[in-house]
Amino acid sequence: MRRDPGERYDVKDQYPEVVRLLQSIAEEARLDLGDDLTGQIGLNRREVGYIK
């Protein structure tokens, strides 16, 4: 961020391992919470107003 505060340069090809890690974390979050963009329903989603 110090060298590119405006995030103008795409560095994903320089750091493929970081890209894979971030994609893995995002997929875990989608499975857990769901994702409106992909239509995925999260495994730990609960109905609105539901209290355990």
PDB file of N, CA and C in Angstrom:
ATOM      1  N   MET A   1       0.815  -1.199   0.000  1.00  0.00           N
ATOM      2  CA  MET A   1       0.000   0.000   0.000  1.00  0.00           C
ATOM      3  C   MET A   1       0.862   1.269   0.000  1.00  0.00           C
ATOM      4  N   ARG A   2       2.013   1.204   0.607  1.00  0.00           N
ATOM      5  CA  ARG A   2       2.861   2.406   0.643  1.00  0.00           C
ATOM      6  C   ARG A   2       3.315   2.800  -0.754  1.00  0.00           C
ATOM      7  N   ARG A   3       3.633   1.811  -1.570  1.00  0.00           N
ATOM      8  CA  ARG A   3       4.122   2.102  -2.914  1.00  0.00           C
ATOM      9  C   ARG A   3       3.000   2.367  -3.899  1.00  0.00           C
ATOM     10  N   ASP A   4       1.813   1.902  -3.599  1.00  0.00           N
ATOM     11  CA  ASP A   4       0.694   2.032  -4.527  1.00  0.00           C
ATOM     12  C   ASP A   4      -0.598   2.335  -3.768  1.00  0.00           C
ATOM     13  N   PRO A   5      -0.665   3.485  -3.102  1.00  0.00           N
ATOM     14  CA  PRO A   5      -1.849   3.793  -2.282  1.00  0.00           C
ATOM     15  C   PRO A   5      -3.136   3.877  -3.085  1.00  0.00           C
ATOM     16  N   GLY A   6      -3.035   4.170  -4.373  1.00  0.00           N
ATOM     17  CA  GLY A   6      -4.230   4.232  -5.216  1.00  0.00           C
ATOM     18  C   GLY A   6      -4.614   2.888  -5.800  1.00  0.00           C
ATOM     19  N   GLU A   7      -3.852   1.859  -5.463  1.00  0.00           N
ATOM     20  CA  GLU A   7      -4.073   0.493  -5.956  1.00  0.00           C
ATOM     21  C   GLU A   7      -4.249   0.479  -7.478  1.00  0.00           C
ATOM     22  N   ARG A   8      -3.309   1.055  -8.175  1.00  0.00           N
ATOM     23  CA  ARG A   8      -3.378   1.156  -9.629  1.00  0.00           C
ATOM     24  C   ARG A   8      -2.766  -0.037 -10.345  1.00  0.00           C
ATOM     25  N   TYR A   9      -1.915  -0.789  -9.653  1.00  0.00           N
ATOM     26  CA  TYR A   9      -1.178  -1.868 -10.307  1.00  0.00           C
ATOM     27  C   TYR A   9      -1.691  -3.233  -9.859  1.00  0.00           C
ATOM     28  N   ASP A  10      -1.993  -4.079 -10.820  1.00  0.00           N
ATOM     29  CA  ASP A  10      -2.456  -5.431 -10.542  1.00  0.00           C
ATOM     30  C   ASP A  10      -1.239  -6.314 -10.309  1.00  0.00           C
ATOM     31  N   VAL A  11      -1.099  -6.844  -9.110  1.00  0.00           N
ATOM     32  CA  VAL A  11       0.076  -7.647  -8.770  1.00  0.00           C
ATOM     33  C   VAL A  11      -0.270  -9.117  -8.552  1.00  0.00           C
ATOM     34  N   LYS A  12      -1.470  -9.531  -8.935  1.00  0.00           N
ATOM     35  CA  LYS A  12      -1.877 -10.913  -8.656  1.00  0.00           C
ATOM     36  C   LYS A  12      -0.982 -11.939  -9.338  1.00  0.00           C
ATOM     37  N   ASP A  13      -0.449 -11.627 -10.512  1.00  0.00           N
ATOM     38  CA  ASP A  13       0.440 -12.570 -11.192  1.00  0.00           C
ATOM     39  C   ASP A  13       1.781 -12.709 -10.472  1.00  0.00           C
ATOM     40  N   GLN A  14       2.143 -11.714  -9.696  1.00  0.00           N
ATOM     41  CA  GLN A  14       3.400 -11.771  -8.945  1.00  0.00           C
ATOM     42  C   GLN A  14       3.252 -12.555  -7.646  1.00  0.00           C
ATOM     43  N   TYR A  15       2.028 -12.682  -7.149  1.00  0.00           N
ATOM     44  CA  TYR A  15       1.773 -13.337  -5.861  1.00  0.00           C
ATOM     45  C   TYR A  15       0.639 -14.352  -5.962  1.00  0.00           C
ATOM     46  N   PRO A  16       0.783 -15.378  -6.791  1.00  0.00           N
ATOM     47  CA  PRO A  16      -0.317 -16.339  -6.967  1.00  0.00           C
ATOM     48  C   PRO A  16      -0.674 -17.085  -5.683  1.00  0.00           C
ATOM     49  N   GLU A  17       0.300 -17.306  -4.799  1.00  0.00           N
ATOM     50  CA  GLU A  17       0.002 -18.009  -3.547  1.00  0.00           C
ATOM     51  C   GLU A  17      -0.898 -17.172  -2.649  1.00  0.00           C
ATOM     52  N   VAL A  18      -0.720 -15.867  -2.661  1.00  0.00           N
ATOM     53  CA  VAL A  18      -1.569 -14.979  -1.868  1.00  0.00           C
ATOM     54  C   VAL A  18      -2.978 -14.957  -2.465  1.00  0.00           C
ATOM     55  N   VAL A  19      -3.085 -14.937  -3.772  1.00  0.00           N
ATOM     56  CA  VAL A  19      -4.388 -14.967  -4.439  1.00  0.00           C
ATOM     57  C   VAL A  19      -5.131 -16.244  -4.068  1.00  0.00           C
ATOM     58  N   ARG A  20      -4.444 -17.395  -4.115  1.00  0.00           N
ATOM     59  CA  ARG A  20      -5.084 -18.671  -3.753  1.00  0.00           C
ATOM     60  C   ARG A  20      -5.549 -18.663  -2.300  1.00  0.00           C
ATOM     61  N   LEU A  21      -4.720 -18.137  -1.418  1.00  0.00           N
ATOM     62  CA  LEU A  21      -5.088 -18.073  -0.001  1.00  0.00           C
ATOM     63  C   LEU A  21      -6.326 -17.206   0.203  1.00  0.00           C
ATOM     64  N   LEU A  22      -6.343 -16.037  -0.397  1.00  0.00           N
ATOM     65  CA  LEU A  22      -7.488 -15.134  -0.249  1.00  0.00           C
ATOM     66  C   LEU A  22      -8.758 -15.727  -0.862  1.00  0.00           C
ATOM     67  N   GLN A  23      -8.635 -16.415  -1.993  1.00  0.00           N
ATOM     68  CA  GLN A  23      -9.789 -17.061  -2.603  1.00  0.00           C
ATOM     69  C   GLN A  23     -10.318 -18.174  -1.706  1.00  0.00           C
ATOM     70  N   SER A  24      -9.432 -18.907  -1.074  1.00  0.00           N
ATOM     71  CA  SER A  24      -9.835 -19.970  -0.157  1.00  0.00           C
ATOM     72  C   SER A  24     -10.582 -19.404   1.050  1.00  0.00           C
ATOM     73  N   ILE A  25     -10.077 -18.336   1.599  1.00  0.00           N
ATOM     74  CA  ILE A  25     -10.736 -17.686   2.742  1.00  0.00           C
ATOM     75  C   ILE A  25     -12.111 -17.172   2.340  1.00  0.00           C
ATOM     76  N   ALA A  26     -12.198 -16.575   1.160  1.00  0.00           N
ATOM     77  CA  ALA A  26     -13.479 -16.053   0.680  1.00  0.00           C
ATOM     78  C   ALA A  26     -14.481 -17.183   0.474  1.00  0.00           C
ATOM     79  N   GLU A  27     -14.039 -18.310  -0.070  1.00  0.00           N
ATOM     80  CA  GLU A  27     -14.938 -19.442  -0.289  1.00  0.00           C
ATOM     81  C   GLU A  27     -15.448 -20.005   1.036  1.00  0.00           C
ATOM     82  N   GLU A  28     -14.585 -20.086   2.034  1.00  0.00           N
ATOM     83  CA  GLU A  28     -15.018 -20.531   3.365  1.00  0.00           C
ATOM     84  C   GLU A  28     -16.089 -19.603   3.925  1.00  0.00           C
ATOM     85  N   ALA A  29     -15.896 -18.303   3.752  1.00  0.00           N
ATOM     86  CA  ALA A  29     -16.880 -17.332   4.233  1.00  0.00           C
ATOM     87  C   ALA A  29     -18.199 -17.488   3.485  1.00  0.00           C
ATOM     88  N   ARG A  30     -18.138 -17.720   2.162  1.00  0.00           N
ATOM     89  CA  ARG A  30     -19.368 -17.928   1.388  1.00  0.00           C
ATOM     90  C   ARG A  30     -20.121 -19.156   1.874  1.00  0.00           C
ATOM     91  N   LEU A  31     -19.394 -20.230   2.126  1.00  0.00           N
ATOM     92  CA  LEU A  31     -20.040 -21.451   2.615  1.00  0.00           C
ATOM     93  C   LEU A  31     -20.692 -21.219   3.972  1.00  0.00           C
ATOM     94  N   ASP A  32     -20.040 -20.452   4.814  1.00  0.00           N
ATOM     95  CA  ASP A  32     -20.536 -20.195   6.158  1.00  0.00           C
ATOM     96  C   ASP A  32     -21.686 -19.189   6.170  1.00  0.00           C
ATOM     97  N   LEU A  33     -21.488 -18.076   5.475  1.00  0.00           N
ATOM     98  CA  LEU A  33     -22.423 -16.959   5.571  1.00  0.00           C
ATOM     99  C   LEU A  33     -23.381 -16.828   4.393  1.00  0.00           C
ATOM    100  N   GLY A  34     -23.014 -17.403   3.260  1.00  0.00           N
ATOM    101  CA  GLY A  34     -23.806 -17.230   2.048  1.00  0.00           C
ATOM    102  C   GLY A  34     -23.267 -16.076   1.225  1.00  0.00           C
ATOM    103  N   ASP A  35     -23.795 -15.970   0.009  1.00  0.00           N
ATOM    104  CA  ASP A  35     -23.318 -14.932  -0.904  1.00  0.00           C
ATOM    105  C   ASP A  35     -24.444 -14.591  -1.868  1.00  0.00           C
ATOM    106  N   ASP A  36     -24.949 -13.386  -1.793  1.00  0.00           N
ATOM    107  CA  ASP A  36     -26.036 -12.953  -2.669  1.00  0.00           C
ATOM    108  C   ASP A  36     -25.610 -12.916  -4.134  1.00  0.00           C
ATOM    109  N   LEU A  37     -24.361 -12.579  -4.400  1.00  0.00           N
ATOM    110  CA  LEU A  37     -23.912 -12.474  -5.790  1.00  0.00           C
ATOM    111  C   LEU A  37     -23.907 -13.820  -6.499  1.00  0.00           C
ATOM    112  N   THR A  38     -23.524 -14.882  -5.786  1.00  0.00           N
ATOM    113  CA  THR A  38     -23.488 -16.206  -6.395  1.00  0.00           C
ATOM    114  C   THR A  38     -24.743 -17.019  -6.099  1.00  0.00           C
ATOM    115  N   GLY A  39     -25.604 -16.491  -5.243  1.00  0.00           N
ATOM    116  CA  GLY A  39     -26.827 -17.200  -4.882  1.00  0.00           C
ATOM    117  C   GLY A  39     -26.597 -18.334  -3.901  1.00  0.00           C
ATOM    118  N   GLN A  40     -25.430 -18.375  -3.304  1.00  0.00           N
ATOM    119  CA  GLN A  40     -25.107 -19.438  -2.362  1.00  0.00           C
ATOM    120  C   GLN A  40     -25.713 -19.145  -1.004  1.00  0.00           C
ATOM    121  N   ILE A  41     -26.415 -20.128  -0.450  1.00  0.00           N
ATOM    122  CA  ILE A  41     -27.014 -19.981   0.873  1.00  0.00           C
ATOM    123  C   ILE A  41     -26.024 -20.511   1.896  1.00  0.00           C
ATOM    124  N   GLY A  42     -25.754 -19.722   2.903  1.00  0.00           N
ATOM    125  CA  GLY A  42     -24.768 -20.102   3.910  1.00  0.00           C
ATOM    126  C   GLY A  42     -25.260 -21.211   4.821  1.00  0.00           C
ATOM    127  N   LEU A  43     -24.349 -22.066   5.234  1.00  0.00           N
ATOM    128  CA  LEU A  43     -24.693 -23.176   6.117  1.00  0.00           C
ATOM    129  C   LEU A  43     -25.085 -22.704   7.513  1.00  0.00           C
ATOM    130  N   ASN A  44     -24.572 -21.567   7.945  1.00  0.00           N
ATOM    131  CA  ASN A  44     -24.859 -21.065   9.289  1.00  0.00           C
ATOM    132  C   ASN A  44     -25.782 -19.855   9.275  1.00  0.00           C
ATOM    133  N   ARG A  45     -26.536 -19.732   8.219  1.00  0.00           N
ATOM    134  CA  ARG A  45     -27.502 -18.637   8.126  1.00  0.00           C
ATOM    135  C   ARG A  45     -28.742 -18.991   8.927  1.00  0.00           C
ATOM    136  N   ARG A  46     -29.336 -18.016   9.560  1.00  0.00           N
ATOM    137  CA  ARG A  46     -30.573 -18.260  10.305  1.00  0.00           C
ATOM    138  C   ARG A  46     -31.648 -17.305   9.830  1.00  0.00           C
ATOM    139  N   GLU A  47     -32.848 -17.654  10.107  1.00  0.00           N
ATOM    140  CA  GLU A  47     -33.980 -16.824   9.694  1.00  0.00           C
ATOM    141  C   GLU A  47     -33.956 -15.491  10.429  1.00  0.00           C
ATOM    142  N   VAL A  48     -34.454 -14.476   9.775  1.00  0.00           N
ATOM    143  CA  VAL A  48     -34.519 -13.144  10.377  1.00  0.00           C
ATOM    144  C   VAL A  48     -35.406 -13.192  11.608  1.00  0.00           C
ATOM    145  N   GLY A  49     -34.935 -12.618  12.705  1.00  0.00           N
ATOM    146  CA  GLY A  49     -35.709 -12.546  13.929  1.00  0.00           C
ATOM    147  C   GLY A  49     -35.600 -13.780  14.798  1.00  0.00           C
ATOM    148  N   TYR A  50     -34.879 -14.799  14.352  1.00  0.00           N
ATOM    149  CA  TYR A  50     -34.718 -16.025  15.119  1.00  0.00           C
ATOM    150  C   TYR A  50     -33.688 -15.811  16.199  1.00  0.00           C
ATOM    151  N   ILE A  51     -34.049 -16.188  17.420  1.00  0.00           N
ATOM    152  CA  ILE A  51     -33.121 -16.077  18.549  1.00  0.00           C
ATOM    153  C   ILE A  51     -32.965 -17.468  19.155  1.00  0.00           C
ATOM    154  N   LYS A  52     -31.711 -17.873  19.359  1.00  0.00           N
ATOM    155  CA  LYS A  52     -31.452 -19.169  19.995  1.00  0.00           C
ATOM    156  C   LYS A  52     -31.688 -19.100  21.468  1.00  0.00           C
TER     157      LYS A  52
END
